[in-house]
Structures are given as structure tokens and as C-alpha cells.
Amino acid sequence: MNKLLQLGMCALIGGTLSACQHIQSKEAKMETPSWVDLFNGKNLDDWTVKIAKHEVGENYANTFRVENGVIKVGYEGYDQFDQQYGHIFYNKPYSYYLLRVEYRFVGEQAKGGEGWAWRNSGIMLHGQEPHTMLKDQDFPISLEAQLLGGNGKEERSTGNLCTPGTEVVYKNEQYTPHCLNSNSKTYAGDQWVTADVLVLGDSIIKHIINRDTVMVYTKPTINGGGVSNYDPKVKQDGKLLSSGYFSLQSESHPIEFRKVAIIDLEPYAKDPKKLDGILKEIRERATK
């Protein structure tokens, strides 16, 4: 575990993730995994929707849909947002992986959305399986790579951390508040932003925004608040989070996702040397 923490800290510093081909070492030839697109640009067949106050699989008011090759999150069918927080889950859990999401905020916030939710969305990591969420549950027990947009005036970081039903270790101390700001730049307007996340089981997680590593934390654990109306059997406080489902969020402001892709690192989880080599190759390719 300590070795994986060390590898994660030294890998991908300041680098965007890029597709890999092959690497050649003095000892042996190592084949690196490639990016796999999880969104096909046509439909949401491999995804499951869960919106608060609705049953699993009910895509209320067509909140999540595909238009012009992007996943569009919109609220045209809402009279009031009414805290109907939504998430769309990819139908496969992961443990060790690199995830890439390209997003942008558009349009106006839904009527009734909270002020803090303006240009606010997220990528939920190591989340519970959507069918284990109760009808009125607001957020999955998970770790959130929070995505925020700026207003063109004040600074507002993105790639932050929020912790619905979870806690982490940050700078060698247990971090219990619900959210923690990153050191990212502010991205205002409707520009596309690339958010990469490196997840190494229950050891280290890193948020990377447009090539900059903006957040690093370790030892994600089920604990704390920030989530309501959950099944107590699912919220097993004290349990390390080593795997889970990731999802994209609807929090009342329209957002588009044009790319969702992953590099599965699970085959290398038990081989720190090989994992280190792959992460170094990705880092080197990103700087070229």
C-alpha cells in the first residue's frame, strides 16, 4: 500500500493523460493499456440513471440525453428543481483506473436550484451501486470530483473534493469537512474543460484539470455526513473504499459531457513496478 501511495504521488505531476501505445525497457517490452470510450456519442445504453425522489432507472423529464454527440444534462421539463439531484452511472465498477471527462457548463440554472449549485456538477467516484440507493436519497455514498464554472469576476476553483458519506486523508490528516477547494484556475464561460482523475484503489486519488494536478488525497473511507435518506446497511462507516461505480451529476445547472473515457489499471494493481512504468509512460507522453 505504501509503495502504491508513493507511485501515485510521483506519477502524472502536472500532466494531462494521453493514449499509450507501447513502451520498451532494457529488461522487457511492456504493452500499455489504451483509452476506452465509455460514451459512444449515440445513446446511453451502458448507463443507469438515478434521480432523487424517483426510482432507479427513471430518467425524469429526460434529464440525461444525447444530443449532437454529447451527453446533455437539461431541465426543460422541470417546473421546479426541488432538490431532485440526479446521477447517471456507468454500469461497471472500477478500482484502479484513469478517467477522463470533458465538460462545459451552458445556459441558465433551473428554477428552484440552490445558489451554490450554479454552474456546479461533479464526477462521483467509488460510488455505491445505483440500485442500492433509496428513492429519496440525494447523493450516492461516494467521493465527488466537483466541477464548478466561474462567473467571469471572482475566482472559483474546479476539481474540488466533496465527500457525501465519506472521508479522506488530506496532507496526512483525516479530513472531515464536506468540501475542500483545489488549487485550480477558474474556468468561466462555456469553454470545454478536461478533468482527469487517477484512482488507485483505496490508496491515492488525484484530480487533474487541463494538465494541472490540483488535488491529491488518500485512504477514502465511508464515514461522516453530506448524504441523506440512504439505506443504513449500505453506509458501513469505517470501511475503506477500494472500488465502486462512477457517475456524472445533475445539480440544477445545464452541463454537457462530450467525452468519457477510461484506462483500466486493475491488471497492474498487484505489480507496483509495472504500474509505475505505465504511469511514467503516460506522464512522458503527456508532456510531448
C-alpha atoms as a PDB file:
ATOM      1  CA  MET A   1       0.000   0.000   0.000  1.00  0.00           C
ATOM      2  CA  ASN A   2       2.786   2.443   0.901  1.00  0.00           C
ATOM      3  CA  LYS A   3       4.513   1.677  -2.378  1.00  0.00           C
ATOM      4  CA  LEU A   4       1.333   2.461  -4.331  1.00  0.00           C
ATOM      5  CA  LEU A   5       0.944   5.734  -2.486  1.00  0.00           C
ATOM      6  CA  GLN A   6       4.488   6.658  -3.419  1.00  0.00           C
ATOM      7  CA  LEU A   7       3.932   5.732  -7.056  1.00  0.00           C
ATOM      8  CA  GLY A   8       0.732   7.715  -7.270  1.00  0.00           C
ATOM      9  CA  MET A   9       2.355  10.814  -5.792  1.00  0.00           C
ATOM     10  CA  CYS A  10       5.195  10.801  -8.305  1.00  0.00           C
ATOM     11  CA  ALA A  11       3.111   9.951 -11.370  1.00  0.00           C
ATOM     12  CA  LEU A  12       1.245  12.388 -13.619  1.00  0.00           C
ATOM     13  CA  ILE A  13       2.525  15.513 -11.868  1.00  0.00           C
ATOM     14  CA  GLY A  14       1.319  18.385 -13.996  1.00  0.00           C
ATOM     15  CA  GLY A  15       0.416  16.152 -16.900  1.00  0.00           C
ATOM     16  CA  THR A  16      -2.664  15.503 -18.999  1.00  0.00           C
ATOM     17  CA  LEU A  17      -3.356  11.826 -19.578  1.00  0.00           C
ATOM     18  CA  SER A  18      -2.936  10.589 -23.150  1.00  0.00           C
ATOM     19  CA  ALA A  19      -3.449   7.365 -25.047  1.00  0.00           C
ATOM     20  CA  CYS A  20      -0.495   4.971 -24.926  1.00  0.00           C
ATOM     21  CA  GLN A  21       0.919   2.551 -27.456  1.00  0.00           C
ATOM     22  CA  HIS A  22       3.943   0.535 -26.291  1.00  0.00           C
ATOM     23  CA  ILE A  23       6.971   1.122 -24.131  1.00  0.00           C
ATOM     24  CA  GLN A  24      10.354  -0.555 -24.444  1.00  0.00           C
ATOM     25  CA  SER A  25      12.600  -1.063 -21.403  1.00  0.00           C
ATOM     26  CA  LYS A  26      16.026  -2.610 -21.129  1.00  0.00           C
ATOM     27  CA  GLU A  27      14.535  -5.605 -19.383  1.00  0.00           C
ATOM     28  CA  ALA A  28      11.370  -6.324 -21.375  1.00  0.00           C
ATOM     29  CA  LYS A  29       8.753  -4.875 -23.662  1.00  0.00           C
ATOM     30  CA  MET A  30       5.691  -3.654 -21.789  1.00  0.00           C
ATOM     31  CA  GLU A  31       2.375  -3.064 -23.504  1.00  0.00           C
ATOM     32  CA  THR A  32       0.370  -0.245 -22.001  1.00  0.00           C
ATOM     33  CA  PRO A  33      -3.423  -0.170 -21.995  1.00  0.00           C
ATOM     34  CA  SER A  34      -5.327   2.185 -24.277  1.00  0.00           C
ATOM     35  CA  TRP A  35      -8.113   4.640 -23.615  1.00  0.00           C
ATOM     36  CA  VAL A  36     -11.559   3.081 -23.897  1.00  0.00           C
ATOM     37  CA  ASP A  37     -14.509   5.362 -24.689  1.00  0.00           C
ATOM     38  CA  LEU A  38     -17.409   4.724 -22.312  1.00  0.00           C
ATOM     39  CA  PHE A  39     -19.728   7.130 -24.100  1.00  0.00           C
ATOM     40  CA  ASN A  40     -20.351   6.188 -27.728  1.00  0.00           C
ATOM     41  CA  GLY A  41     -21.794   9.553 -28.771  1.00  0.00           C
ATOM     42  CA  LYS A  42     -25.105   7.940 -29.767  1.00  0.00           C
ATOM     43  CA  ASN A  43     -27.010   6.631 -26.742  1.00  0.00           C
ATOM     44  CA  LEU A  44     -26.866   5.863 -23.023  1.00  0.00           C
ATOM     45  CA  ASP A  45     -27.300   2.089 -23.292  1.00  0.00           C
ATOM     46  CA  ASP A  46     -24.460   1.335 -20.848  1.00  0.00           C
ATOM     47  CA  TRP A  47     -25.626   3.813 -18.222  1.00  0.00           C
ATOM     48  CA  THR A  48     -28.201   3.865 -15.400  1.00  0.00           C
ATOM     49  CA  VAL A  49     -29.992   6.993 -14.172  1.00  0.00           C
ATOM     50  CA  LYS A  50     -30.896   7.623 -10.526  1.00  0.00           C
ATOM     51  CA  ILE A  51     -32.641  10.904  -9.649  1.00  0.00           C
ATOM     52  CA  ALA A  52     -33.709  11.799  -6.105  1.00  0.00           C
ATOM     53  CA  LYS A  53     -37.472  11.334  -5.494  1.00  0.00           C
ATOM     54  CA  HIS A  54     -37.638   8.852  -8.380  1.00  0.00           C
ATOM     55  CA  GLU A  55     -36.932   5.151  -8.758  1.00  0.00           C
ATOM     56  CA  VAL A  56     -33.690   3.792 -10.197  1.00  0.00           C
ATOM     57  CA  GLY A  57     -33.813   3.874 -13.987  1.00  0.00           C
ATOM     58  CA  GLU A  58     -36.443   6.637 -14.236  1.00  0.00           C
ATOM     59  CA  ASN A  59     -34.932   9.418 -16.334  1.00  0.00           C
ATOM     60  CA  TYR A  60     -37.305  12.068 -15.020  1.00  0.00           C
ATOM     61  CA  ALA A  61     -38.158  14.804 -17.541  1.00  0.00           C
ATOM     62  CA  ASN A  62     -35.472  13.449 -19.870  1.00  0.00           C
ATOM     63  CA  THR A  63     -32.798  15.000 -17.661  1.00  0.00           C
ATOM     64  CA  PHE A  64     -29.998  12.979 -19.246  1.00  0.00           C
ATOM     65  CA  ARG A  65     -29.996  12.571 -23.019  1.00  0.00           C
ATOM     66  CA  VAL A  66     -27.724  12.509 -26.047  1.00  0.00           C
ATOM     67  CA  GLU A  67     -27.860  15.478 -28.401  1.00  0.00           C
ATOM     68  CA  ASN A  68     -25.357  16.348 -31.136  1.00  0.00           C
ATOM     69  CA  GLY A  69     -22.916  13.725 -29.913  1.00  0.00           C
ATOM     70  CA  VAL A  70     -22.751  14.875 -26.277  1.00  0.00           C
ATOM     71  CA  ILE A  71     -24.383  13.810 -23.025  1.00  0.00           C
ATOM     72  CA  LYS A  72     -26.625  16.751 -22.274  1.00  0.00           C
ATOM     73  CA  VAL A  73     -27.997  17.424 -18.794  1.00  0.00           C
ATOM     74  CA  GLY A  74     -31.017  19.728 -19.021  1.00  0.00           C
ATOM     75  CA  TYR A  75     -34.090  20.769 -17.056  1.00  0.00           C
ATOM     76  CA  GLU A  76     -36.574  21.960 -19.645  1.00  0.00           C
ATOM     77  CA  GLY A  77     -39.148  19.526 -18.255  1.00  0.00           C
ATOM     78  CA  TYR A  78     -38.883  20.750 -14.653  1.00  0.00           C
ATOM     79  CA  ASP A  79     -41.355  23.208 -13.142  1.00  0.00           C
ATOM     80  CA  GLN A  80     -39.058  23.466 -10.099  1.00  0.00           C
ATOM     81  CA  PHE A  81     -35.779  21.717  -9.483  1.00  0.00           C
ATOM     82  CA  ASP A  82     -36.984  20.813  -5.985  1.00  0.00           C
ATOM     83  CA  GLN A  83     -33.723  19.146  -4.891  1.00  0.00           C
ATOM     84  CA  GLN A  84     -34.112  16.402  -7.474  1.00  0.00           C
ATOM     85  CA  TYR A  85     -30.381  15.727  -7.603  1.00  0.00           C
ATOM     86  CA  GLY A  86     -29.506  13.247 -10.306  1.00  0.00           C
ATOM     87  CA  HIS A  87     -26.680  10.946 -11.305  1.00  0.00           C
ATOM     88  CA  ILE A  88     -26.036   8.783 -14.322  1.00  0.00           C
ATOM     89  CA  PHE A  89     -23.898   5.743 -13.512  1.00  0.00           C
ATOM     90  CA  TYR A  90     -21.709   3.735 -15.843  1.00  0.00           C
ATOM     91  CA  ASN A  91     -22.764   0.115 -15.439  1.00  0.00           C
ATOM     92  CA  LYS A  92     -19.422  -1.314 -14.348  1.00  0.00           C
ATOM     93  CA  PRO A  93     -17.407  -0.824 -11.153  1.00  0.00           C
ATOM     94  CA  TYR A  94     -13.706   0.040 -11.242  1.00  0.00           C
ATOM     95  CA  SER A  95     -10.917   0.067  -8.693  1.00  0.00           C
ATOM     96  CA  TYR A  96      -7.626   1.148 -10.338  1.00  0.00           C
ATOM     97  CA  TYR A  97      -8.109   3.459 -13.290  1.00  0.00           C
ATOM     98  CA  LEU A  98      -7.560   6.739 -15.096  1.00  0.00           C
ATOM     99  CA  LEU A  99     -10.755   8.533 -16.028  1.00  0.00           C
ATOM    100  CA  ARG A 100     -11.143  11.414 -18.445  1.00  0.00           C
ATOM    101  CA  VAL A 101     -14.214  13.639 -18.728  1.00  0.00           C
ATOM    102  CA  GLU A 102     -14.539  16.677 -20.993  1.00  0.00           C
ATOM    103  CA  TYR A 103     -17.289  19.023 -19.846  1.00  0.00           C
ATOM    104  CA  ARG A 104     -18.713  22.508 -20.185  1.00  0.00           C
ATOM    105  CA  PHE A 105     -21.476  24.466 -18.468  1.00  0.00           C
ATOM    106  CA  VAL A 106     -24.137  26.055 -20.678  1.00  0.00           C
ATOM    107  CA  GLY A 107     -27.365  28.008 -20.380  1.00  0.00           C
ATOM    108  CA  GLU A 108     -29.243  29.096 -17.269  1.00  0.00           C
ATOM    109  CA  GLN A 109     -29.786  27.316 -13.980  1.00  0.00           C
ATOM    110  CA  ALA A 110     -33.091  25.516 -13.433  1.00  0.00           C
ATOM    111  CA  LYS A 111     -35.732  27.372 -11.453  1.00  0.00           C
ATOM    112  CA  GLY A 112     -35.507  26.462  -7.793  1.00  0.00           C
ATOM    113  CA  GLY A 113     -31.863  25.406  -7.897  1.00  0.00           C
ATOM    114  CA  GLU A 114     -29.789  26.413  -4.877  1.00  0.00           C
ATOM    115  CA  GLY A 115     -27.364  29.305  -5.207  1.00  0.00           C
ATOM    116  CA  TRP A 116     -24.369  27.076  -4.516  1.00  0.00           C
ATOM    117  CA  ALA A 117     -25.439  24.790  -7.375  1.00  0.00           C
ATOM    118  CA  TRP A 118     -24.981  27.476 -10.051  1.00  0.00           C
ATOM    119  CA  ARG A 119     -22.545  26.064 -12.631  1.00  0.00           C
ATOM    120  CA  ASN A 120     -21.988  23.126 -10.332  1.00  0.00           C
ATOM    121  CA  SER A 121     -21.748  19.441 -11.226  1.00  0.00           C
ATOM    122  CA  GLY A 122     -19.433  16.568 -10.438  1.00  0.00           C
ATOM    123  CA  ILE A 123     -17.867  13.209 -11.141  1.00  0.00           C
ATOM    124  CA  MET A 124     -18.753  10.774  -8.355  1.00  0.00           C
ATOM    125  CA  LEU A 125     -16.008   8.207  -7.675  1.00  0.00           C
ATOM    126  CA  HIS A 126     -16.045   4.842  -5.869  1.00  0.00           C
ATOM    127  CA  GLY A 127     -19.818   5.219  -5.559  1.00  0.00           C
ATOM    128  CA  GLN A 128     -22.375   2.719  -4.391  1.00  0.00           C
ATOM    129  CA  GLU A 129     -24.242   0.636  -6.951  1.00  0.00           C
ATOM    130  CA  PRO A 130     -27.259   2.700  -8.144  1.00  0.00           C
ATOM    131  CA  HIS A 131     -29.797   0.002  -7.288  1.00  0.00           C
ATOM    132  CA  THR A 132     -28.734   0.243  -3.633  1.00  0.00           C
ATOM    133  CA  MET A 133     -29.863   3.891  -3.469  1.00  0.00           C
ATOM    134  CA  LEU A 134     -33.238   4.536  -1.882  1.00  0.00           C
ATOM    135  CA  LYS A 135     -35.879   6.532  -3.766  1.00  0.00           C
ATOM    136  CA  ASP A 136     -35.382   9.771  -1.820  1.00  0.00           C
ATOM    137  CA  GLN A 137     -31.592   9.537  -1.437  1.00  0.00           C
ATOM    138  CA  ASP A 138     -29.944  12.735  -2.643  1.00  0.00           C
ATOM    139  CA  PHE A 139     -26.370  11.656  -3.450  1.00  0.00           C
ATOM    140  CA  PRO A 140     -24.619   8.310  -3.756  1.00  0.00           C
ATOM    141  CA  ILE A 141     -22.166   7.457  -0.986  1.00  0.00           C
ATOM    142  CA  SER A 142     -19.029   8.338  -2.919  1.00  0.00           C
ATOM    143  CA  LEU A 143     -16.211  10.815  -3.468  1.00  0.00           C
ATOM    144  CA  GLU A 144     -17.001  13.778  -5.676  1.00  0.00           C
ATOM    145  CA  ALA A 145     -14.564  15.446  -8.038  1.00  0.00           C
ATOM    146  CA  GLN A 146     -16.585  18.656  -8.007  1.00  0.00           C
ATOM    147  CA  LEU A 147     -16.840  20.631 -11.255  1.00  0.00           C
ATOM    148  CA  LEU A 148     -17.502  24.371 -10.984  1.00  0.00           C
ATOM    149  CA  GLY A 149     -17.696  27.192 -13.508  1.00  0.00           C
ATOM    150  CA  GLY A 150     -16.702  30.805 -12.930  1.00  0.00           C
ATOM    151  CA  ASN A 151     -18.787  33.941 -13.391  1.00  0.00           C
ATOM    152  CA  GLY A 152     -16.005  35.960 -15.031  1.00  0.00           C
ATOM    153  CA  LYS A 153     -15.428  38.083 -11.934  1.00  0.00           C
ATOM    154  CA  GLU A 154     -14.434  36.086  -8.832  1.00  0.00           C
ATOM    155  CA  GLU A 155     -12.061  33.169  -8.521  1.00  0.00           C
ATOM    156  CA  ARG A 156     -13.818  29.790  -8.341  1.00  0.00           C
ATOM    157  CA  SER A 157     -11.759  26.624  -8.461  1.00  0.00           C
ATOM    158  CA  THR A 158     -12.825  23.383 -10.108  1.00  0.00           C
ATOM    159  CA  GLY A 159     -11.664  19.825  -9.500  1.00  0.00           C
ATOM    160  CA  ASN A 160     -12.540  20.268  -5.828  1.00  0.00           C
ATOM    161  CA  LEU A 161     -13.381  17.434  -3.428  1.00  0.00           C
ATOM    162  CA  CYS A 162     -16.742  16.804  -1.767  1.00  0.00           C
ATOM    163  CA  THR A 163     -17.486  13.796   0.403  1.00  0.00           C
ATOM    164  CA  PRO A 164     -21.108  12.568   0.566  1.00  0.00           C
ATOM    165  CA  GLY A 165     -20.961   9.880   3.257  1.00  0.00           C
ATOM    166  CA  THR A 166     -17.182   9.629   3.078  1.00  0.00           C
ATOM    167  CA  GLU A 167     -13.930  10.976   4.492  1.00  0.00           C
ATOM    168  CA  VAL A 168     -10.327  11.037   3.251  1.00  0.00           C
ATOM    169  CA  VAL A 169      -6.818  11.681   4.468  1.00  0.00           C
ATOM    170  CA  TYR A 170      -5.520  15.032   3.197  1.00  0.00           C
ATOM    171  CA  LYS A 171      -1.958  16.158   3.891  1.00  0.00           C
ATOM    172  CA  ASN A 172      -1.538  13.268   6.332  1.00  0.00           C
ATOM    173  CA  GLU A 173      -4.582  14.213   8.411  1.00  0.00           C
ATOM    174  CA  GLN A 174      -8.142  12.905   8.488  1.00  0.00           C
ATOM    175  CA  TYR A 175     -10.294  15.465   6.663  1.00  0.00           C
ATOM    176  CA  THR A 176     -13.870  15.629   7.948  1.00  0.00           C
ATOM    177  CA  PRO A 177     -15.479  18.794   6.420  1.00  0.00           C
ATOM    178  CA  HIS A 178     -17.749  18.135   3.441  1.00  0.00           C
ATOM    179  CA  CYS A 179     -15.843  20.004   0.719  1.00  0.00           C
ATOM    180  CA  LEU A 180     -12.254  21.039   0.039  1.00  0.00           C
ATOM    181  CA  ASN A 181     -11.206  23.518  -2.648  1.00  0.00           C
ATOM    182  CA  SER A 182      -8.487  22.611  -5.106  1.00  0.00           C
ATOM    183  CA  ASN A 183      -5.734  24.911  -6.341  1.00  0.00           C
ATOM    184  CA  SER A 184      -7.067  25.035  -9.902  1.00  0.00           C
ATOM    185  CA  LYS A 185      -7.543  28.029 -12.134  1.00  0.00           C
ATOM    186  CA  THR A 186     -11.023  29.465 -12.706  1.00  0.00           C
ATOM    187  CA  TYR A 187     -12.795  28.467 -15.924  1.00  0.00           C
ATOM    188  CA  ALA A 188     -15.624  30.828 -16.809  1.00  0.00           C
ATOM    189  CA  GLY A 189     -17.989  30.875 -19.782  1.00  0.00           C
ATOM    190  CA  ASP A 190     -18.925  27.913 -21.963  1.00  0.00           C
ATOM    191  CA  GLN A 191     -15.399  26.645 -22.640  1.00  0.00           C
ATOM    192  CA  TRP A 192     -14.616  22.928 -22.644  1.00  0.00           C
ATOM    193  CA  VAL A 193     -12.536  21.726 -19.702  1.00  0.00           C
ATOM    194  CA  THR A 194     -10.738  18.393 -19.351  1.00  0.00           C
ATOM    195  CA  ALA A 195     -10.972  16.709 -15.966  1.00  0.00           C
ATOM    196  CA  ASP A 196      -8.770  13.652 -15.409  1.00  0.00           C
ATOM    197  CA  VAL A 197      -8.880  11.504 -12.292  1.00  0.00           C
ATOM    198  CA  LEU A 198      -6.284   8.951 -11.214  1.00  0.00           C
ATOM    199  CA  VAL A 199      -7.739   6.388  -8.808  1.00  0.00           C
ATOM    200  CA  LEU A 200      -5.586   3.687  -7.206  1.00  0.00           C
ATOM    201  CA  GLY A 201      -7.952   1.562  -5.146  1.00  0.00           C
ATOM    202  CA  ASP A 202      -8.158   2.629  -1.513  1.00  0.00           C
ATOM    203  CA  SER A 203      -4.756   4.333  -1.605  1.00  0.00           C
ATOM    204  CA  ILE A 204      -4.493   7.532  -3.634  1.00  0.00           C
ATOM    205  CA  ILE A 205      -6.795   9.678  -5.762  1.00  0.00           C
ATOM    206  CA  LYS A 206      -5.696  12.689  -7.821  1.00  0.00           C
ATOM    207  CA  HIS A 207      -7.756  15.329  -9.647  1.00  0.00           C
ATOM    208  CA  ILE A 208      -6.122  16.817 -12.755  1.00  0.00           C
ATOM    209  CA  ILE A 209      -7.602  19.794 -14.613  1.00  0.00           C
ATOM    210  CA  ASN A 210      -6.245  20.761 -18.046  1.00  0.00           C
ATOM    211  CA  ARG A 211      -2.830  19.156 -17.293  1.00  0.00           C
ATOM    212  CA  ASP A 212      -2.529  20.537 -13.770  1.00  0.00           C
ATOM    213  CA  THR A 213      -2.716  18.277 -10.724  1.00  0.00           C
ATOM    214  CA  VAL A 214      -4.990  20.277  -8.424  1.00  0.00           C
ATOM    215  CA  MET A 215      -5.984  17.834  -5.660  1.00  0.00           C
ATOM    216  CA  VAL A 216      -4.385  14.780  -4.013  1.00  0.00           C
ATOM    217  CA  TYR A 217      -5.818  12.721  -1.177  1.00  0.00           C
ATOM    218  CA  THR A 218      -5.590   9.202   0.192  1.00  0.00           C
ATOM    219  CA  LYS A 219      -7.424   6.447   2.095  1.00  0.00           C
ATOM    220  CA  PRO A 220     -11.055   7.122   1.127  1.00  0.00           C
ATOM    221  CA  THR A 221     -13.396   5.756   3.792  1.00  0.00           C
ATOM    222  CA  ILE A 222     -17.154   5.528   4.295  1.00  0.00           C
ATOM    223  CA  ASN A 223     -17.897   7.939   7.136  1.00  0.00           C
ATOM    224  CA  GLY A 224     -19.443  11.281   8.006  1.00  0.00           C
ATOM    225  CA  GLY A 225     -22.485  13.134   6.660  1.00  0.00           C
ATOM    226  CA  GLY A 226     -23.316  15.009   3.468  1.00  0.00           C
ATOM    227  CA  VAL A 227     -25.815  12.386   2.280  1.00  0.00           C
ATOM    228  CA  SER A 228     -29.492  11.883   3.216  1.00  0.00           C
ATOM    229  CA  ASN A 229     -32.162   9.176   3.057  1.00  0.00           C
ATOM    230  CA  TYR A 230     -29.728   6.313   2.479  1.00  0.00           C
ATOM    231  CA  ASP A 231     -30.013   2.655   3.431  1.00  0.00           C
ATOM    232  CA  PRO A 232     -28.090   2.204   6.728  1.00  0.00           C
ATOM    233  CA  LYS A 233     -26.973  -1.230   5.541  1.00  0.00           C
ATOM    234  CA  VAL A 234     -25.006   0.425   2.727  1.00  0.00           C
ATOM    235  CA  LYS A 235     -23.326   3.121   4.803  1.00  0.00           C
ATOM    236  CA  GLN A 236     -20.773   0.941   6.584  1.00  0.00           C
ATOM    237  CA  ASP A 237     -18.796   3.594   8.464  1.00  0.00           C
ATOM    238  CA  GLY A 238     -15.090   2.879   8.734  1.00  0.00           C
ATOM    239  CA  LYS A 239     -14.919   0.776   5.580  1.00  0.00           C
ATOM    240  CA  LEU A 240     -12.146   1.675   3.148  1.00  0.00           C
ATOM    241  CA  LEU A 241     -13.390   2.390  -0.373  1.00  0.00           C
ATOM    242  CA  SER A 242     -11.301   0.359  -2.781  1.00  0.00           C
ATOM    243  CA  SER A 243     -13.710   0.232  -5.738  1.00  0.00           C
ATOM    244  CA  GLY A 244     -17.117   1.348  -6.909  1.00  0.00           C
ATOM    245  CA  TYR A 245     -19.164   2.972  -9.641  1.00  0.00           C
ATOM    246  CA  PHE A 246     -18.579   6.411 -11.098  1.00  0.00           C
ATOM    247  CA  SER A 247     -21.370   8.718 -12.168  1.00  0.00           C
ATOM    248  CA  LEU A 248     -21.967  12.148 -13.683  1.00  0.00           C
ATOM    249  CA  GLN A 249     -24.128  14.593 -11.808  1.00  0.00           C
ATOM    250  CA  SER A 250     -27.177  16.809 -12.381  1.00  0.00           C
ATOM    251  CA  GLU A 251     -27.427  19.534  -9.734  1.00  0.00           C
ATOM    252  CA  SER A 252     -29.706  22.089 -11.471  1.00  0.00           C
ATOM    253  CA  HIS A 253     -27.337  23.788 -13.932  1.00  0.00           C
ATOM    254  CA  PRO A 254     -27.203  22.518 -17.546  1.00  0.00           C
ATOM    255  CA  ILE A 255     -23.941  20.836 -18.446  1.00  0.00           C
ATOM    256  CA  GLU A 256     -22.611  18.855 -21.404  1.00  0.00           C
ATOM    257  CA  PHE A 257     -20.136  15.974 -21.469  1.00  0.00           C
ATOM    258  CA  ARG A 258     -18.562  15.261 -24.833  1.00  0.00           C
ATOM    259  CA  LYS A 259     -16.041  12.605 -23.772  1.00  0.00           C
ATOM    260  CA  VAL A 260     -15.950   9.953 -21.082  1.00  0.00           C
ATOM    261  CA  ALA A 261     -13.008   7.560 -21.395  1.00  0.00           C
ATOM    262  CA  ILE A 262     -11.037   5.253 -19.121  1.00  0.00           C
ATOM    263  CA  ILE A 263      -7.756   3.389 -18.852  1.00  0.00           C
ATOM    264  CA  ASP A 264      -8.288   0.351 -16.643  1.00  0.00           C
ATOM    265  CA  LEU A 265      -5.240  -0.181 -14.427  1.00  0.00           C
ATOM    266  CA  GLU A 266      -6.656  -3.125 -12.479  1.00  0.00           C
ATOM    267  CA  PRO A 267      -4.363  -5.711 -14.191  1.00  0.00           C
ATOM    268  CA  TYR A 268      -1.354  -3.902 -12.686  1.00  0.00           C
ATOM    269  CA  ALA A 269      -2.717  -3.332  -9.182  1.00  0.00           C
ATOM    270  CA  LYS A 270      -0.578  -6.109  -7.706  1.00  0.00           C
ATOM    271  CA  ASP A 271       2.551  -5.255  -9.691  1.00  0.00           C
ATOM    272  CA  PRO A 272       3.818  -1.866  -8.424  1.00  0.00           C
ATOM    273  CA  LYS A 273       6.850  -1.922 -10.718  1.00  0.00           C
ATOM    274  CA  LYS A 274       4.770  -2.403 -13.851  1.00  0.00           C
ATOM    275  CA  LEU A 275       2.170   0.110 -12.682  1.00  0.00           C
ATOM    276  CA  ASP A 276       4.920   2.634 -12.075  1.00  0.00           C
ATOM    277  CA  GLY A 277       6.261   2.094 -15.592  1.00  0.00           C
ATOM    278  CA  ILE A 278       2.861   2.594 -17.185  1.00  0.00           C
ATOM    279  CA  LEU A 279       2.144   5.776 -15.226  1.00  0.00           C
ATOM    280  CA  LYS A 280       5.572   7.163 -16.094  1.00  0.00           C
ATOM    281  CA  GLU A 281       4.980   6.461 -19.766  1.00  0.00           C
ATOM    282  CA  ILE A 282       1.626   8.240 -19.666  1.00  0.00           C
ATOM    283  CA  ARG A 283       3.250  11.205 -17.941  1.00  0.00           C
ATOM    284  CA  GLU A 284       6.053  11.381 -20.519  1.00  0.00           C
ATOM    285  CA  ARG A 285       3.669  11.125 -23.453  1.00  0.00           C
ATOM    286  CA  ALA A 286       1.545  13.925 -21.994  1.00  0.00           C
ATOM    287  CA  THR A 287       4.461  16.347 -21.941  1.00  0.00           C
ATOM    288  CA  LYS A 288       5.442  15.801 -25.578  1.00  0.00           C
END
